[in-house]
Amino acid sequence: MSTRADALFASRLQASQRPADIEVRAAVVDMLGRLGARGCAGEVAGEFGDHPEAAAHRMTWALDMINRSYRD
């Protein structure tokens, strides 16, 4: 997984919001600034422990959004 995907996963952005690339990048910067890479990874781990099926779906979304938003 990627640090950026972990940060997006930990953010408040939702797939239903259909965020623009700039919103995704802003959320990543915000969460890495607030929690750091380890904190974001901890949020991901906690969700996978508590709600594995929902977390898997969210991580798939996060990875897709990161690949789209950072495609350059």
PDB file of N, CA and C in Angstrom:
ATOM      1  N   MET A   1       0.851  -1.166   0.000  1.00  0.00           N
ATOM      2  CA  MET A   1       0.000   0.000   0.000  1.00  0.00           C
ATOM      3  C   MET A   1       0.902   1.235   0.000  1.00  0.00           C
ATOM      4  N   SER A   2       0.301   2.341  -0.194  1.00  0.00           N
ATOM      5  CA  SER A   2       1.102   3.555  -0.240  1.00  0.00           C
ATOM      6  C   SER A   2       0.757   4.485   0.919  1.00  0.00           C
ATOM      7  N   THR A   3       1.709   5.303   1.283  1.00  0.00           N
ATOM      8  CA  THR A   3       1.495   6.289   2.340  1.00  0.00           C
ATOM      9  C   THR A   3       0.375   7.242   1.953  1.00  0.00           C
ATOM     10  N   ARG A   4       0.347   7.634   0.687  1.00  0.00           N
ATOM     11  CA  ARG A   4      -0.718   8.541   0.235  1.00  0.00           C
ATOM     12  C   ARG A   4      -2.085   7.891   0.350  1.00  0.00           C
ATOM     13  N   ALA A   5      -2.175   6.629  -0.009  1.00  0.00           N
ATOM     14  CA  ALA A   5      -3.460   5.923   0.095  1.00  0.00           C
ATOM     15  C   ALA A   5      -3.878   5.792   1.554  1.00  0.00           C
ATOM     16  N   ASP A   6      -2.920   5.518   2.436  1.00  0.00           N
ATOM     17  CA  ASP A   6      -3.236   5.457   3.861  1.00  0.00           C
ATOM     18  C   ASP A   6      -3.790   6.790   4.343  1.00  0.00           C
ATOM     19  N   ALA A   7      -3.159   7.877   3.915  1.00  0.00           N
ATOM     20  CA  ALA A   7      -3.601   9.210   4.333  1.00  0.00           C
ATOM     21  C   ALA A   7      -5.006   9.506   3.818  1.00  0.00           C
ATOM     22  N   LEU A   8      -5.268   9.172   2.566  1.00  0.00           N
ATOM     23  CA  LEU A   8      -6.601   9.395   2.020  1.00  0.00           C
ATOM     24  C   LEU A   8      -7.626   8.529   2.740  1.00  0.00           C
ATOM     25  N   PHE A   9      -7.288   7.292   2.989  1.00  0.00           N
ATOM     26  CA  PHE A   9      -8.153   6.374   3.724  1.00  0.00           C
ATOM     27  C   PHE A   9      -8.529   6.981   5.077  1.00  0.00           C
ATOM     28  N   ALA A  10      -7.559   7.572   5.764  1.00  0.00           N
ATOM     29  CA  ALA A  10      -7.775   8.137   7.096  1.00  0.00           C
ATOM     30  C   ALA A  10      -8.524   9.466   7.073  1.00  0.00           C
ATOM     31  N   SER A  11      -8.643  10.073   5.906  1.00  0.00           N
ATOM     32  CA  SER A  11      -9.283  11.380   5.795  1.00  0.00           C
ATOM     33  C   SER A  11     -10.804  11.256   5.880  1.00  0.00           C
ATOM     34  N   ARG A  12     -11.446  12.414   5.892  1.00  0.00           N
ATOM     35  CA  ARG A  12     -12.911  12.443   5.936  1.00  0.00           C
ATOM     36  C   ARG A  12     -13.548  12.420   4.550  1.00  0.00           C
ATOM     37  N   LEU A  13     -12.737  12.444   3.505  1.00  0.00           N
ATOM     38  CA  LEU A  13     -13.311  12.375   2.157  1.00  0.00           C
ATOM     39  C   LEU A  13     -14.012  11.039   1.962  1.00  0.00           C
ATOM     40  N   GLN A  14     -15.098  11.073   1.221  1.00  0.00           N
ATOM     41  CA  GLN A  14     -15.873   9.872   0.950  1.00  0.00           C
ATOM     42  C   GLN A  14     -16.006   9.673  -0.557  1.00  0.00           C
ATOM     43  N   ALA A  15     -16.109   8.435  -0.969  1.00  0.00           N
ATOM     44  CA  ALA A  15     -16.296   8.124  -2.385  1.00  0.00           C
ATOM     45  C   ALA A  15     -17.549   8.798  -2.926  1.00  0.00           C
ATOM     46  N   SER A  16     -18.575   8.881  -2.105  1.00  0.00           N
ATOM     47  CA  SER A  16     -19.838   9.477  -2.545  1.00  0.00           C
ATOM     48  C   SER A  16     -19.699  10.968  -2.856  1.00  0.00           C
ATOM     49  N   GLN A  17     -18.656  11.607  -2.339  1.00  0.00           N
ATOM     50  CA  GLN A  17     -18.419  13.016  -2.612  1.00  0.00           C
ATOM     51  C   GLN A  17     -17.818  13.237  -3.998  1.00  0.00           C
ATOM     52  N   ARG A  18     -17.295  12.172  -4.572  1.00  0.00           N
ATOM     53  CA  ARG A  18     -16.624  12.246  -5.874  1.00  0.00           C
ATOM     54  C   ARG A  18     -15.618  13.405  -5.907  1.00  0.00           C
ATOM     55  N   PRO A  19     -14.617  13.357  -5.000  1.00  0.00           N
ATOM     56  CA  PRO A  19     -13.684  14.468  -4.879  1.00  0.00           C
ATOM     57  C   PRO A  19     -12.825  14.656  -6.130  1.00  0.00           C
ATOM     58  N   ALA A  20     -12.516  15.908  -6.392  1.00  0.00           N
ATOM     59  CA  ALA A  20     -11.617  16.266  -7.491  1.00  0.00           C
ATOM     60  C   ALA A  20     -10.179  15.952  -7.065  1.00  0.00           C
ATOM     61  N   ASP A  21      -9.303  15.867  -8.060  1.00  0.00           N
ATOM     62  CA  ASP A  21      -7.900  15.562  -7.772  1.00  0.00           C
ATOM     63  C   ASP A  21      -7.305  16.518  -6.748  1.00  0.00           C
ATOM     64  N   ILE A  22      -7.610  17.788  -6.862  1.00  0.00           N
ATOM     65  CA  ILE A  22      -7.058  18.771  -5.929  1.00  0.00           C
ATOM     66  C   ILE A  22      -7.550  18.528  -4.504  1.00  0.00           C
ATOM     67  N   GLU A  23      -8.775  18.061  -4.348  1.00  0.00           N
ATOM     68  CA  GLU A  23      -9.310  17.743  -3.020  1.00  0.00           C
ATOM     69  C   GLU A  23      -8.616  16.516  -2.434  1.00  0.00           C
ATOM     70  N   VAL A  24      -8.340  15.548  -3.287  1.00  0.00           N
ATOM     71  CA  VAL A  24      -7.640  14.343  -2.840  1.00  0.00           C
ATOM     72  C   VAL A  24      -6.237  14.714  -2.371  1.00  0.00           C
ATOM     73  N   ARG A  25      -5.514  15.486  -3.176  1.00  0.00           N
ATOM     74  CA  ARG A  25      -4.162  15.881  -2.799  1.00  0.00           C
ATOM     75  C   ARG A  25      -4.159  16.717  -1.525  1.00  0.00           C
ATOM     76  N   ALA A  26      -5.131  17.604  -1.371  1.00  0.00           N
ATOM     77  CA  ALA A  26      -5.225  18.423  -0.157  1.00  0.00           C
ATOM     78  C   ALA A  26      -5.497  17.550   1.071  1.00  0.00           C
ATOM     79  N   ALA A  27      -6.358  16.554   0.922  1.00  0.00           N
ATOM     80  CA  ALA A  27      -6.660  15.653   2.038  1.00  0.00           C
ATOM     81  C   ALA A  27      -5.423  14.862   2.443  1.00  0.00           C
ATOM     82  N   VAL A  28      -4.652  14.422   1.464  1.00  0.00           N
ATOM     83  CA  VAL A  28      -3.419  13.676   1.751  1.00  0.00           C
ATOM     84  C   VAL A  28      -2.445  14.552   2.537  1.00  0.00           C
ATOM     85  N   VAL A  29      -2.222  15.767   2.069  1.00  0.00           N
ATOM     86  CA  VAL A  29      -1.307  16.678   2.758  1.00  0.00           C
ATOM     87  C   VAL A  29      -1.800  16.959   4.177  1.00  0.00           C
ATOM     88  N   ASP A  30      -3.094  17.200   4.305  1.00  0.00           N
ATOM     89  CA  ASP A  30      -3.671  17.491   5.612  1.00  0.00           C
ATOM     90  C   ASP A  30      -3.463  16.333   6.589  1.00  0.00           C
ATOM     91  N   MET A  31      -3.804  15.143   6.163  1.00  0.00           N
ATOM     92  CA  MET A  31      -3.717  13.993   7.064  1.00  0.00           C
ATOM     93  C   MET A  31      -2.273  13.642   7.399  1.00  0.00           C
ATOM     94  N   LEU A  32      -1.373  13.760   6.438  1.00  0.00           N
ATOM     95  CA  LEU A  32       0.030  13.489   6.747  1.00  0.00           C
ATOM     96  C   LEU A  32       0.576  14.537   7.699  1.00  0.00           C
ATOM     97  N   GLY A  33       0.106  15.770   7.565  1.00  0.00           N
ATOM     98  CA  GLY A  33       0.518  16.816   8.490  1.00  0.00           C
ATOM     99  C   GLY A  33      -0.040  16.609   9.893  1.00  0.00           C
ATOM    100  N   ARG A  34      -1.255  16.111   9.960  1.00  0.00           N
ATOM    101  CA  ARG A  34      -1.918  15.917  11.260  1.00  0.00           C
ATOM    102  C   ARG A  34      -1.471  14.645  11.966  1.00  0.00           C
ATOM    103  N   LEU A  35      -1.417  13.543  11.224  1.00  0.00           N
ATOM    104  CA  LEU A  35      -1.150  12.243  11.845  1.00  0.00           C
ATOM    105  C   LEU A  35       0.228  11.672  11.537  1.00  0.00           C
ATOM    106  N   GLY A  36       0.850  12.140  10.471  1.00  0.00           N
ATOM    107  CA  GLY A  36       2.093  11.534  10.018  1.00  0.00           C
ATOM    108  C   GLY A  36       1.815  10.210   9.329  1.00  0.00           C
ATOM    109  N   ALA A  37       2.824   9.668   8.688  1.00  0.00           N
ATOM    110  CA  ALA A  37       2.663   8.408   7.957  1.00  0.00           C
ATOM    111  C   ALA A  37       2.267   7.268   8.888  1.00  0.00           C
ATOM    112  N   ARG A  38       2.910   7.195  10.039  1.00  0.00           N
ATOM    113  CA  ARG A  38       2.597   6.105  10.979  1.00  0.00           C
ATOM    114  C   ARG A  38       1.188   6.222  11.541  1.00  0.00           C
ATOM    115  N   GLY A  39       0.765   7.432  11.818  1.00  0.00           N
ATOM    116  CA  GLY A  39      -0.582   7.631  12.335  1.00  0.00           C
ATOM    117  C   GLY A  39      -1.640   7.233  11.324  1.00  0.00           C
ATOM    118  N   CYS A  40      -1.400   7.580  10.061  1.00  0.00           N
ATOM    119  CA  CYS A  40      -2.346   7.195   9.004  1.00  0.00           C
ATOM    120  C   CYS A  40      -2.380   5.676   8.865  1.00  0.00           C
ATOM    121  N   ALA A  41      -1.199   5.051   8.901  1.00  0.00           N
ATOM    122  CA  ALA A  41      -1.138   3.586   8.808  1.00  0.00           C
ATOM    123  C   ALA A  41      -1.863   2.947   9.988  1.00  0.00           C
ATOM    124  N   GLY A  42      -1.750   3.560  11.156  1.00  0.00           N
ATOM    125  CA  GLY A  42      -2.455   3.053  12.328  1.00  0.00           C
ATOM    126  C   GLY A  42      -3.961   3.127  12.172  1.00  0.00           C
ATOM    127  N   GLU A  43      -4.444   4.210  11.576  1.00  0.00           N
ATOM    128  CA  GLU A  43      -5.884   4.339  11.311  1.00  0.00           C
ATOM    129  C   GLU A  43      -6.354   3.232  10.364  1.00  0.00           C
ATOM    130  N   VAL A  44      -5.563   2.977   9.336  1.00  0.00           N
ATOM    131  CA  VAL A  44      -5.897   1.916   8.380  1.00  0.00           C
ATOM    132  C   VAL A  44      -5.943   0.568   9.093  1.00  0.00           C
ATOM    133  N   ALA A  45      -4.927   0.278   9.878  1.00  0.00           N
ATOM    134  CA  ALA A  45      -4.864  -1.008  10.583  1.00  0.00           C
ATOM    135  C   ALA A  45      -6.052  -1.177  11.520  1.00  0.00           C
ATOM    136  N   GLY A  46      -6.389  -0.116  12.221  1.00  0.00           N
ATOM    137  CA  GLY A  46      -7.530  -0.189  13.131  1.00  0.00           C
ATOM    138  C   GLY A  46      -8.830  -0.497  12.412  1.00  0.00           C
ATOM    139  N   GLU A  47      -9.038   0.145  11.290  1.00  0.00           N
ATOM    140  CA  GLU A  47     -10.270  -0.098  10.528  1.00  0.00           C
ATOM    141  C   GLU A  47     -10.301  -1.511   9.958  1.00  0.00           C
ATOM    142  N   PHE A  48      -9.142  -2.002   9.488  1.00  0.00           N
ATOM    143  CA  PHE A  48      -9.117  -3.370   8.982  1.00  0.00           C
ATOM    144  C   PHE A  48      -9.382  -4.366  10.103  1.00  0.00           C
ATOM    145  N   GLY A  49      -8.958  -4.035  11.311  1.00  0.00           N
ATOM    146  CA  GLY A  49      -9.232  -4.912  12.447  1.00  0.00           C
ATOM    147  C   GLY A  49     -10.690  -4.883  12.869  1.00  0.00           C
ATOM    148  N   ASP A  50     -11.297  -3.700  12.814  1.00  0.00           N
ATOM    149  CA  ASP A  50     -12.679  -3.539  13.280  1.00  0.00           C
ATOM    150  C   ASP A  50     -13.728  -3.836  12.208  1.00  0.00           C
ATOM    151  N   HIS A  51     -13.451  -3.426  10.984  1.00  0.00           N
ATOM    152  CA  HIS A  51     -14.431  -3.535   9.888  1.00  0.00           C
ATOM    153  C   HIS A  51     -13.714  -3.945   8.591  1.00  0.00           C
ATOM    154  N   PRO A  52     -13.226  -5.172   8.512  1.00  0.00           N
ATOM    155  CA  PRO A  52     -12.380  -5.559   7.380  1.00  0.00           C
ATOM    156  C   PRO A  52     -13.031  -5.424   6.002  1.00  0.00           C
ATOM    157  N   GLU A  53     -14.296  -5.759   5.875  1.00  0.00           N
ATOM    158  CA  GLU A  53     -14.928  -5.690   4.552  1.00  0.00           C
ATOM    159  C   GLU A  53     -15.089  -4.248   4.091  1.00  0.00           C
ATOM    160  N   ALA A  54     -15.537  -3.386   4.978  1.00  0.00           N
ATOM    161  CA  ALA A  54     -15.684  -1.966   4.637  1.00  0.00           C
ATOM    162  C   ALA A  54     -14.326  -1.336   4.390  1.00  0.00           C
ATOM    163  N   ALA A  55     -13.327  -1.720   5.192  1.00  0.00           N
ATOM    164  CA  ALA A  55     -11.987  -1.164   5.025  1.00  0.00           C
ATOM    165  C   ALA A  55     -11.377  -1.574   3.691  1.00  0.00           C
ATOM    166  N   ALA A  56     -11.602  -2.796   3.274  1.00  0.00           N
ATOM    167  CA  ALA A  56     -11.074  -3.250   1.981  1.00  0.00           C
ATOM    168  C   ALA A  56     -11.684  -2.434   0.842  1.00  0.00           C
ATOM    169  N   HIS A  57     -12.962  -2.186   0.929  1.00  0.00           N
ATOM    170  CA  HIS A  57     -13.634  -1.380  -0.099  1.00  0.00           C
ATOM    171  C   HIS A  57     -13.078   0.044  -0.104  1.00  0.00           C
ATOM    172  N   ARG A  58     -12.906   0.633   1.088  1.00  0.00           N
ATOM    173  CA  ARG A  58     -12.388   2.001   1.178  1.00  0.00           C
ATOM    174  C   ARG A  58     -10.956   2.076   0.665  1.00  0.00           C
ATOM    175  N   MET A  59     -10.128   1.064   0.975  1.00  0.00           N
ATOM    176  CA  MET A  59      -8.741   1.096   0.506  1.00  0.00           C
ATOM    177  C   MET A  59      -8.684   0.957  -1.010  1.00  0.00           C
ATOM    178  N   THR A  60      -9.540   0.154  -1.592  1.00  0.00           N
ATOM    179  CA  THR A  60      -9.589   0.054  -3.051  1.00  0.00           C
ATOM    180  C   THR A  60      -9.913   1.415  -3.657  1.00  0.00           C
ATOM    181  N   TRP A  61     -10.891   2.096  -3.076  1.00  0.00           N
ATOM    182  CA  TRP A  61     -11.246   3.446  -3.527  1.00  0.00           C
ATOM    183  C   TRP A  61     -10.058   4.387  -3.354  1.00  0.00           C
ATOM    184  N   ALA A  62      -9.416   4.352  -2.180  1.00  0.00           N
ATOM    185  CA  ALA A  62      -8.289   5.245  -1.908  1.00  0.00           C
ATOM    186  C   ALA A  62      -7.151   5.018  -2.904  1.00  0.00           C
ATOM    187  N   LEU A  63      -6.811   3.781  -3.166  1.00  0.00           N
ATOM    188  CA  LEU A  63      -5.749   3.480  -4.131  1.00  0.00           C
ATOM    189  C   LEU A  63      -6.115   3.973  -5.525  1.00  0.00           C
ATOM    190  N   ASP A  64      -7.343   3.758  -5.944  1.00  0.00           N
ATOM    191  CA  ASP A  64      -7.797   4.241  -7.255  1.00  0.00           C
ATOM    192  C   ASP A  64      -7.702   5.762  -7.336  1.00  0.00           C
ATOM    193  N   MET A  65      -8.129   6.443  -6.271  1.00  0.00           N
ATOM    194  CA  MET A  65      -8.087   7.905  -6.260  1.00  0.00           C
ATOM    195  C   MET A  65      -6.657   8.426  -6.269  1.00  0.00           C
ATOM    196  N   ILE A  66      -5.777   7.791  -5.535  1.00  0.00           N
ATOM    197  CA  ILE A  66      -4.361   8.203  -5.527  1.00  0.00           C
ATOM    198  C   ILE A  66      -3.758   7.996  -6.896  1.00  0.00           C
ATOM    199  N   ASN A  67      -4.016   6.860  -7.516  1.00  0.00           N
ATOM    200  CA  ASN A  67      -3.484   6.610  -8.861  1.00  0.00           C
ATOM    201  C   ASN A  67      -3.994   7.648  -9.855  1.00  0.00           C
ATOM    202  N   ARG A  68      -5.242   8.052  -9.723  1.00  0.00           N
ATOM    203  CA  ARG A  68      -5.802   9.063 -10.612  1.00  0.00           C
ATOM    204  C   ARG A  68      -5.254  10.446 -10.317  1.00  0.00           C
ATOM    205  N   SER A  69      -5.183  10.795  -9.053  1.00  0.00           N
ATOM    206  CA  SER A  69      -4.831  12.160  -8.651  1.00  0.00           C
ATOM    207  C   SER A  69      -3.339  12.472  -8.766  1.00  0.00           C
ATOM    208  N   TYR A  70      -2.516  11.441  -8.762  1.00  0.00           N
ATOM    209  CA  TYR A  70      -1.065  11.622  -8.846  1.00  0.00           C
ATOM    210  C   TYR A  70      -0.512  10.950 -10.098  1.00  0.00           C
ATOM    211  N   ARG A  71      -1.237  10.983 -11.163  1.00  0.00           N
ATOM    212  CA  ARG A  71      -0.843  10.236 -12.366  1.00  0.00           C
ATOM    213  C   ARG A  71       0.281  10.868 -13.173  1.00  0.00           C
ATOM    214  N   ASP A  72       0.713  12.066 -12.820  1.00  0.00           N
ATOM    215  CA  ASP A  72       1.775  12.697 -13.608  1.00  0.00           C
ATOM    216  C   ASP A  72       3.096  12.175 -13.278  1.00  0.00           C
TER     217      ASP A  72
END
